Amino acid sequence: MDLTRCFDVIAEVAAGQGASSPEPLGAEERTAVLDLARVVAHSVERSAAPLACYAMGRTLAETAPAARLDLMRAIIERLSAEAPTDR
């Protein structure tokens, strides 16, 4: 299965359950999510990365589409700045 099919399955199951499916991620948004996962995995612990991505997604759901990428980058920058340097 590739990433496109993975997103298709999420949308199909969501529709089948009466939930709205997420908007497709653009290339810059995919990069930002992966950057967040990398920062958290290396500065907190690996298992925290998916939870941080989920938390960011929940936050972005309440954010205007035009502001989402800037918010994602701000979150990543702040986490990177607070990351311990000895890990």
PDB file of N, CA and C in Angstrom:
ATOM      1  N   MET A   1       0.858  -1.177   0.000  1.00  0.00           N
ATOM      2  CA  MET A   1       0.000   0.000   0.000  1.00  0.00           C
ATOM      3  C   MET A   1       0.901   1.236   0.000  1.00  0.00           C
ATOM      4  N   ASP A   2       0.530   2.221  -0.784  1.00  0.00           N
ATOM      5  CA  ASP A   2       1.282   3.472  -0.782  1.00  0.00           C
ATOM      6  C   ASP A   2       0.519   4.527   0.029  1.00  0.00           C
ATOM      7  N   LEU A   3       1.146   5.680   0.196  1.00  0.00           N
ATOM      8  CA  LEU A   3       0.562   6.736   1.019  1.00  0.00           C
ATOM      9  C   LEU A   3      -0.773   7.222   0.462  1.00  0.00           C
ATOM     10  N   THR A   4      -0.882   7.325  -0.859  1.00  0.00           N
ATOM     11  CA  THR A   4      -2.136   7.767  -1.465  1.00  0.00           C
ATOM     12  C   THR A   4      -3.267   6.805  -1.117  1.00  0.00           C
ATOM     13  N   ARG A   5      -3.013   5.523  -1.228  1.00  0.00           N
ATOM     14  CA  ARG A   5      -4.042   4.531  -0.891  1.00  0.00           C
ATOM     15  C   ARG A   5      -4.374   4.586   0.593  1.00  0.00           C
ATOM     16  N   CYS A   6      -3.382   4.795   1.428  1.00  0.00           N
ATOM     17  CA  CYS A   6      -3.622   4.923   2.865  1.00  0.00           C
ATOM     18  C   CYS A   6      -4.608   6.057   3.134  1.00  0.00           C
ATOM     19  N   PHE A   7      -4.386   7.214   2.515  1.00  0.00           N
ATOM     20  CA  PHE A   7      -5.299   8.345   2.685  1.00  0.00           C
ATOM     21  C   PHE A   7      -6.678   8.040   2.100  1.00  0.00           C
ATOM     22  N   ASP A   8      -6.710   7.301   0.993  1.00  0.00           N
ATOM     23  CA  ASP A   8      -7.994   6.904   0.408  1.00  0.00           C
ATOM     24  C   ASP A   8      -8.784   6.030   1.376  1.00  0.00           C
ATOM     25  N   VAL A   9      -8.113   5.088   2.025  1.00  0.00           N
ATOM     26  CA  VAL A   9      -8.783   4.214   2.992  1.00  0.00           C
ATOM     27  C   VAL A   9      -9.334   5.034   4.148  1.00  0.00           C
ATOM     28  N   ILE A  10      -8.555   5.971   4.656  1.00  0.00           N
ATOM     29  CA  ILE A  10      -9.025   6.835   5.745  1.00  0.00           C
ATOM     30  C   ILE A  10     -10.293   7.565   5.320  1.00  0.00           C
ATOM     31  N   ALA A  11     -10.275   8.143   4.118  1.00  0.00           N
ATOM     32  CA  ALA A  11     -11.447   8.875   3.617  1.00  0.00           C
ATOM     33  C   ALA A  11     -12.646   7.948   3.431  1.00  0.00           C
ATOM     34  N   GLU A  12     -12.418   6.743   2.903  1.00  0.00           N
ATOM     35  CA  GLU A  12     -13.508   5.798   2.678  1.00  0.00           C
ATOM     36  C   GLU A  12     -14.145   5.351   3.989  1.00  0.00           C
ATOM     37  N   VAL A  13     -13.321   5.026   4.967  1.00  0.00           N
ATOM     38  CA  VAL A  13     -13.849   4.589   6.263  1.00  0.00           C
ATOM     39  C   VAL A  13     -14.569   5.742   6.944  1.00  0.00           C
ATOM     40  N   ALA A  14     -13.988   6.929   6.887  1.00  0.00           N
ATOM     41  CA  ALA A  14     -14.635   8.101   7.489  1.00  0.00           C
ATOM     42  C   ALA A  14     -16.005   8.331   6.858  1.00  0.00           C
ATOM     43  N   ALA A  15     -16.084   8.282   5.535  1.00  0.00           N
ATOM     44  CA  ALA A  15     -17.363   8.477   4.854  1.00  0.00           C
ATOM     45  C   ALA A  15     -18.359   7.385   5.232  1.00  0.00           C
ATOM     46  N   GLY A  16     -17.890   6.166   5.347  1.00  0.00           N
ATOM     47  CA  GLY A  16     -18.747   5.053   5.726  1.00  0.00           C
ATOM     48  C   GLY A  16     -19.301   5.179   7.136  1.00  0.00           C
ATOM     49  N   GLN A  17     -18.578   5.908   7.973  1.00  0.00           N
ATOM     50  CA  GLN A  17     -19.006   6.121   9.356  1.00  0.00           C
ATOM     51  C   GLN A  17     -19.723   7.455   9.540  1.00  0.00           C
ATOM     52  N   GLY A  18     -19.925   8.170   8.441  1.00  0.00           N
ATOM     53  CA  GLY A  18     -20.619   9.452   8.512  1.00  0.00           C
ATOM     54  C   GLY A  18     -19.749  10.606   8.979  1.00  0.00           C
ATOM     55  N   ALA A  19     -18.439  10.409   8.978  1.00  0.00           N
ATOM     56  CA  ALA A  19     -17.518  11.471   9.387  1.00  0.00           C
ATOM     57  C   ALA A  19     -16.946  12.152   8.151  1.00  0.00           C
ATOM     58  N   SER A  20     -16.479  13.363   8.334  1.00  0.00           N
ATOM     59  CA  SER A  20     -15.846  14.047   7.206  1.00  0.00           C
ATOM     60  C   SER A  20     -14.416  13.553   7.070  1.00  0.00           C
ATOM     61  N   SER A  21     -13.959  13.477   5.845  1.00  0.00           N
ATOM     62  CA  SER A  21     -12.586  13.047   5.618  1.00  0.00           C
ATOM     63  C   SER A  21     -11.691  14.279   5.565  1.00  0.00           C
ATOM     64  N   PRO A  22     -10.439  14.099   5.920  1.00  0.00           N
ATOM     65  CA  PRO A  22      -9.522  15.237   5.912  1.00  0.00           C
ATOM     66  C   PRO A  22      -9.213  15.714   4.501  1.00  0.00           C
ATOM     67  N   GLU A  23      -8.851  16.986   4.413  1.00  0.00           N
ATOM     68  CA  GLU A  23      -8.389  17.516   3.130  1.00  0.00           C
ATOM     69  C   GLU A  23      -7.047  16.870   2.802  1.00  0.00           C
ATOM     70  N   PRO A  24      -6.765  16.669   1.528  1.00  0.00           N
ATOM     71  CA  PRO A  24      -5.455  16.111   1.171  1.00  0.00           C
ATOM     72  C   PRO A  24      -4.324  17.041   1.626  1.00  0.00           C
ATOM     73  N   LEU A  25      -3.221  16.453   2.023  1.00  0.00           N
ATOM     74  CA  LEU A  25      -2.057  17.234   2.422  1.00  0.00           C
ATOM     75  C   LEU A  25      -1.254  17.625   1.197  1.00  0.00           C
ATOM     76  N   GLY A  26      -0.837  18.875   1.160  1.00  0.00           N
ATOM     77  CA  GLY A  26       0.067  19.314   0.113  1.00  0.00           C
ATOM     78  C   GLY A  26       1.485  18.876   0.438  1.00  0.00           C
ATOM     79  N   ALA A  27       2.376  19.045  -0.492  1.00  0.00           N
ATOM     80  CA  ALA A  27       3.768  18.617  -0.309  1.00  0.00           C
ATOM     81  C   ALA A  27       4.419  19.304   0.883  1.00  0.00           C
ATOM     82  N   GLU A  28       4.197  20.606   1.047  1.00  0.00           N
ATOM     83  CA  GLU A  28       4.805  21.325   2.166  1.00  0.00           C
ATOM     84  C   GLU A  28       4.222  20.875   3.501  1.00  0.00           C
ATOM     85  N   GLU A  29       2.935  20.561   3.512  1.00  0.00           N
ATOM     86  CA  GLU A  29       2.315  20.075   4.744  1.00  0.00           C
ATOM     87  C   GLU A  29       2.834  18.683   5.101  1.00  0.00           C
ATOM     88  N   ARG A  30       2.997  17.822   4.109  1.00  0.00           N
ATOM     89  CA  ARG A  30       3.567  16.491   4.378  1.00  0.00           C
ATOM     90  C   ARG A  30       4.963  16.633   4.971  1.00  0.00           C
ATOM     91  N   THR A  31       5.744  17.526   4.395  1.00  0.00           N
ATOM     92  CA  THR A  31       7.093  17.753   4.905  1.00  0.00           C
ATOM     93  C   THR A  31       7.049  18.256   6.345  1.00  0.00           C
ATOM     94  N   ALA A  32       6.134  19.171   6.641  1.00  0.00           N
ATOM     95  CA  ALA A  32       6.028  19.707   7.996  1.00  0.00           C
ATOM     96  C   ALA A  32       5.623  18.631   8.994  1.00  0.00           C
ATOM     97  N   VAL A  33       4.689  17.766   8.624  1.00  0.00           N
ATOM     98  CA  VAL A  33       4.284  16.685   9.531  1.00  0.00           C
ATOM     99  C   VAL A  33       5.461  15.743   9.790  1.00  0.00           C
ATOM    100  N   LEU A  34       6.196  15.415   8.743  1.00  0.00           N
ATOM    101  CA  LEU A  34       7.361  14.554   8.914  1.00  0.00           C
ATOM    102  C   LEU A  34       8.445  15.242   9.739  1.00  0.00           C
ATOM    103  N   ASP A  35       8.609  16.550   9.566  1.00  0.00           N
ATOM    104  CA  ASP A  35       9.560  17.301  10.385  1.00  0.00           C
ATOM    105  C   ASP A  35       9.162  17.256  11.850  1.00  0.00           C
ATOM    106  N   LEU A  36       7.859  17.436  12.116  1.00  0.00           N
ATOM    107  CA  LEU A  36       7.381  17.361  13.499  1.00  0.00           C
ATOM    108  C   LEU A  36       7.672  15.984  14.080  1.00  0.00           C
ATOM    109  N   ALA A  37       7.370  14.952  13.352  1.00  0.00           N
ATOM    110  CA  ALA A  37       7.615  13.589  13.835  1.00  0.00           C
ATOM    111  C   ALA A  37       9.097  13.382  14.127  1.00  0.00           C
ATOM    112  N   ARG A  38       9.962  13.890  13.253  1.00  0.00           N
ATOM    113  CA  ARG A  38      11.410  13.742  13.452  1.00  0.00           C
ATOM    114  C   ARG A  38      11.874  14.466  14.699  1.00  0.00           C
ATOM    115  N   VAL A  39      11.443  15.720  14.869  1.00  0.00           N
ATOM    116  CA  VAL A  39      11.860  16.515  16.029  1.00  0.00           C
ATOM    117  C   VAL A  39      11.412  15.844  17.317  1.00  0.00           C
ATOM    118  N   VAL A  40      10.158  15.428  17.367  1.00  0.00           N
ATOM    119  CA  VAL A  40       9.641  14.801  18.592  1.00  0.00           C
ATOM    120  C   VAL A  40      10.316  13.459  18.843  1.00  0.00           C
ATOM    121  N   ALA A  41      10.500  12.667  17.807  1.00  0.00           N
ATOM    122  CA  ALA A  41      11.132  11.358  17.977  1.00  0.00           C
ATOM    123  C   ALA A  41      12.551  11.487  18.521  1.00  0.00           C
ATOM    124  N   HIS A  42      13.251  12.529  18.108  1.00  0.00           N
ATOM    125  CA  HIS A  42      14.634  12.693  18.548  1.00  0.00           C
ATOM    126  C   HIS A  42      14.795  13.501  19.824  1.00  0.00           C
ATOM    127  N   SER A  43      13.801  14.317  20.164  1.00  0.00           N
ATOM    128  CA  SER A  43      13.966  15.152  21.363  1.00  0.00           C
ATOM    129  C   SER A  43      13.103  14.712  22.534  1.00  0.00           C
ATOM    130  N   VAL A  44      12.085  13.923  22.289  1.00  0.00           N
ATOM    131  CA  VAL A  44      11.245  13.417  23.376  1.00  0.00           C
ATOM    132  C   VAL A  44      11.456  11.909  23.435  1.00  0.00           C
ATOM    133  N   GLU A  45      10.759  11.189  22.600  1.00  0.00           N
ATOM    134  CA  GLU A  45      10.966   9.757  22.397  1.00  0.00           C
ATOM    135  C   GLU A  45      10.195   9.347  21.159  1.00  0.00           C
ATOM    136  N   ARG A  46      10.611   8.254  20.573  1.00  0.00           N
ATOM    137  CA  ARG A  46      10.008   7.833  19.302  1.00  0.00           C
ATOM    138  C   ARG A  46       8.506   7.638  19.392  1.00  0.00           C
ATOM    139  N   SER A  47       8.052   7.034  20.484  1.00  0.00           N
ATOM    140  CA  SER A  47       6.625   6.744  20.588  1.00  0.00           C
ATOM    141  C   SER A  47       5.774   8.002  20.738  1.00  0.00           C
ATOM    142  N   ALA A  48       6.382   9.117  21.054  1.00  0.00           N
ATOM    143  CA  ALA A  48       5.635  10.374  21.189  1.00  0.00           C
ATOM    144  C   ALA A  48       5.353  11.026  19.834  1.00  0.00           C
ATOM    145  N   ALA A  49       6.073  10.651  18.803  1.00  0.00           N
ATOM    146  CA  ALA A  49       5.927  11.296  17.489  1.00  0.00           C
ATOM    147  C   ALA A  49       4.516  11.185  16.919  1.00  0.00           C
ATOM    148  N   PRO A  50       3.909   9.991  16.873  1.00  0.00           N
ATOM    149  CA  PRO A  50       2.555   9.934  16.314  1.00  0.00           C
ATOM    150  C   PRO A  50       1.544  10.698  17.160  1.00  0.00           C
ATOM    151  N   LEU A  51       1.730  10.697  18.462  1.00  0.00           N
ATOM    152  CA  LEU A  51       0.815  11.431  19.338  1.00  0.00           C
ATOM    153  C   LEU A  51       0.940  12.927  19.128  1.00  0.00           C
ATOM    154  N   ALA A  52       2.159  13.414  18.935  1.00  0.00           N
ATOM    155  CA  ALA A  52       2.367  14.837  18.668  1.00  0.00           C
ATOM    156  C   ALA A  52       1.745  15.224  17.327  1.00  0.00           C
ATOM    157  N   CYS A  53       1.884  14.364  16.335  1.00  0.00           N
ATOM    158  CA  CYS A  53       1.280  14.641  15.022  1.00  0.00           C
ATOM    159  C   CYS A  53      -0.238  14.670  15.129  1.00  0.00           C
ATOM    160  N   TYR A  54      -0.800  13.775  15.900  1.00  0.00           N
ATOM    161  CA  TYR A  54      -2.250  13.768  16.106  1.00  0.00           C
ATOM    162  C   TYR A  54      -2.681  15.054  16.808  1.00  0.00           C
ATOM    163  N   ALA A  55      -1.942  15.450  17.850  1.00  0.00           N
ATOM    164  CA  ALA A  55      -2.281  16.681  18.579  1.00  0.00           C
ATOM    165  C   ALA A  55      -2.204  17.891  17.649  1.00  0.00           C
ATOM    166  N   MET A  56      -1.184  17.931  16.803  1.00  0.00           N
ATOM    167  CA  MET A  56      -1.075  19.037  15.871  1.00  0.00           C
ATOM    168  C   MET A  56      -2.245  19.012  14.888  1.00  0.00           C
ATOM    169  N   GLY A  57      -2.625  17.843  14.421  1.00  0.00           N
ATOM    170  CA  GLY A  57      -3.761  17.735  13.509  1.00  0.00           C
ATOM    171  C   GLY A  57      -5.051  18.230  14.131  1.00  0.00           C
ATOM    172  N   ARG A  58      -5.248  17.907  15.388  1.00  0.00           N
ATOM    173  CA  ARG A  58      -6.452  18.388  16.082  1.00  0.00           C
ATOM    174  C   ARG A  58      -6.433  19.906  16.181  1.00  0.00           C
ATOM    175  N   THR A  59      -5.273  20.460  16.448  1.00  0.00           N
ATOM    176  CA  THR A  59      -5.130  21.914  16.527  1.00  0.00           C
ATOM    177  C   THR A  59      -5.399  22.550  15.169  1.00  0.00           C
ATOM    178  N   LEU A  60      -4.860  21.964  14.127  1.00  0.00           N
ATOM    179  CA  LEU A  60      -5.019  22.518  12.783  1.00  0.00           C
ATOM    180  C   LEU A  60      -6.455  22.447  12.287  1.00  0.00           C
ATOM    181  N   ALA A  61      -7.232  21.512  12.794  1.00  0.00           N
ATOM    182  CA  ALA A  61      -8.625  21.394  12.380  1.00  0.00           C
ATOM    183  C   ALA A  61      -9.415  22.656  12.720  1.00  0.00           C
ATOM    184  N   GLU A  62      -8.963  23.378  13.713  1.00  0.00           N
ATOM    185  CA  GLU A  62      -9.638  24.605  14.143  1.00  0.00           C
ATOM    186  C   GLU A  62      -8.987  25.863  13.562  1.00  0.00           C
ATOM    187  N   THR A  63      -8.042  25.676  12.645  1.00  0.00           N
ATOM    188  CA  THR A  63      -7.271  26.784  12.088  1.00  0.00           C
ATOM    189  C   THR A  63      -7.675  27.023  10.634  1.00  0.00           C
ATOM    190  N   ALA A  64      -7.741  28.275  10.246  1.00  0.00           N
ATOM    191  CA  ALA A  64      -8.061  28.609   8.856  1.00  0.00           C
ATOM    192  C   ALA A  64      -7.031  27.975   7.921  1.00  0.00           C
ATOM    193  N   PRO A  65      -7.470  27.431   6.791  1.00  0.00           N
ATOM    194  CA  PRO A  65      -6.546  26.764   5.884  1.00  0.00           C
ATOM    195  C   PRO A  65      -5.328  27.601   5.499  1.00  0.00           C
ATOM    196  N   ALA A  66      -5.510  28.889   5.293  1.00  0.00           N
ATOM    197  CA  ALA A  66      -4.393  29.744   4.879  1.00  0.00           C
ATOM    198  C   ALA A  66      -3.337  29.893   5.972  1.00  0.00           C
ATOM    199  N   ALA A  67      -3.697  29.641   7.222  1.00  0.00           N
ATOM    200  CA  ALA A  67      -2.765  29.826   8.337  1.00  0.00           C
ATOM    201  C   ALA A  67      -2.136  28.519   8.811  1.00  0.00           C
ATOM    202  N   ARG A  68      -2.576  27.401   8.283  1.00  0.00           N
ATOM    203  CA  ARG A  68      -2.130  26.101   8.797  1.00  0.00           C
ATOM    204  C   ARG A  68      -0.638  25.858   8.662  1.00  0.00           C
ATOM    205  N   LEU A  69      -0.079  26.110   7.498  1.00  0.00           N
ATOM    206  CA  LEU A  69       1.337  25.823   7.289  1.00  0.00           C
ATOM    207  C   LEU A  69       2.198  26.688   8.201  1.00  0.00           C
ATOM    208  N   ASP A  70       1.845  27.954   8.356  1.00  0.00           N
ATOM    209  CA  ASP A  70       2.604  28.822   9.264  1.00  0.00           C
ATOM    210  C   ASP A  70       2.528  28.320  10.700  1.00  0.00           C
ATOM    211  N   LEU A  71       1.348  27.864  11.115  1.00  0.00           N
ATOM    212  CA  LEU A  71       1.197  27.331  12.466  1.00  0.00           C
ATOM    213  C   LEU A  71       2.021  26.062  12.637  1.00  0.00           C
ATOM    214  N   MET A  72       1.994  25.194  11.644  1.00  0.00           N
ATOM    215  CA  MET A  72       2.792  23.968  11.710  1.00  0.00           C
ATOM    216  C   MET A  72       4.270  24.308  11.876  1.00  0.00           C
ATOM    217  N   ARG A  73       4.739  25.234  11.079  1.00  0.00           N
ATOM    218  CA  ARG A  73       6.158  25.619  11.149  1.00  0.00           C
ATOM    219  C   ARG A  73       6.495  26.250  12.494  1.00  0.00           C
ATOM    220  N   ALA A  74       5.584  27.050  13.041  1.00  0.00           N
ATOM    221  CA  ALA A  74       5.827  27.680  14.346  1.00  0.00           C
ATOM    222  C   ALA A  74       5.922  26.625  15.447  1.00  0.00           C
ATOM    223  N   ILE A  75       5.062  25.625  15.395  1.00  0.00           N
ATOM    224  CA  ILE A  75       5.105  24.543  16.390  1.00  0.00           C
ATOM    225  C   ILE A  75       6.430  23.796  16.292  1.00  0.00           C
ATOM    226  N   ILE A  76       6.835  23.465  15.082  1.00  0.00           N
ATOM    227  CA  ILE A  76       8.088  22.729  14.874  1.00  0.00           C
ATOM    228  C   ILE A  76       9.280  23.550  15.340  1.00  0.00           C
ATOM    229  N   GLU A  77       9.302  24.838  15.011  1.00  0.00           N
ATOM    230  CA  GLU A  77      10.410  25.702  15.437  1.00  0.00           C
ATOM    231  C   GLU A  77      10.502  25.773  16.954  1.00  0.00           C
ATOM    232  N   ARG A  78       9.355  25.907  17.615  1.00  0.00           N
ATOM    233  CA  ARG A  78       9.355  25.996  19.080  1.00  0.00           C
ATOM    234  C   ARG A  78       9.836  24.697  19.710  1.00  0.00           C
ATOM    235  N   LEU A  79       9.355  23.570  19.204  1.00  0.00           N
ATOM    236  CA  LEU A  79       9.810  22.282  19.728  1.00  0.00           C
ATOM    237  C   LEU A  79      11.299  22.076  19.479  1.00  0.00           C
ATOM    238  N   SER A  80      11.757  22.477  18.311  1.00  0.00           N
ATOM    239  CA  SER A  80      13.189  22.347  17.990  1.00  0.00           C
ATOM    240  C   SER A  80      14.033  23.203  18.928  1.00  0.00           C
ATOM    241  N   ALA A  81      13.549  24.404  19.214  1.00  0.00           N
ATOM    242  CA  ALA A  81      14.289  25.312  20.096  1.00  0.00           C
ATOM    243  C   ALA A  81      14.374  24.783  21.522  1.00  0.00           C
ATOM    244  N   GLU A  82      13.340  24.065  21.943  1.00  0.00           N
ATOM    245  CA  GLU A  82      13.310  23.550  23.313  1.00  0.00           C
ATOM    246  C   GLU A  82      13.892  22.142  23.435  1.00  0.00           C
ATOM    247  N   ALA A  83      14.286  21.557  22.315  1.00  0.00           N
ATOM    248  CA  ALA A  83      14.822  20.202  22.343  1.00  0.00           C
ATOM    249  C   ALA A  83      16.155  20.179  23.081  1.00  0.00           C
ATOM    250  N   PRO A  84      16.361  19.161  23.905  1.00  0.00           N
ATOM    251  CA  PRO A  84      17.659  19.047  24.588  1.00  0.00           C
ATOM    252  C   PRO A  84      18.770  18.838  23.556  1.00  0.00           C
ATOM    253  N   THR A  85      19.907  19.379  23.836  1.00  0.00           N
ATOM    254  CA  THR A  85      21.027  19.267  22.892  1.00  0.00           C
ATOM    255  C   THR A  85      21.861  18.018  23.111  1.00  0.00           C
ATOM    256  N   ASP A  86      21.605  17.273  24.173  1.00  0.00           N
ATOM    257  CA  ASP A  86      22.423  16.092  24.471  1.00  0.00           C
ATOM    258  C   ASP A  86      21.824  14.797  23.979  1.00  0.00           C
ATOM    259  N   ARG A  87      20.731  14.833  23.231  1.00  0.00           N
ATOM    260  CA  ARG A  87      20.112  13.591  22.757  1.00  0.00           C
ATOM    261  C   ARG A  87      20.596  13.246  21.392  1.00  0.00           C
TER     262      ARG A  87
END
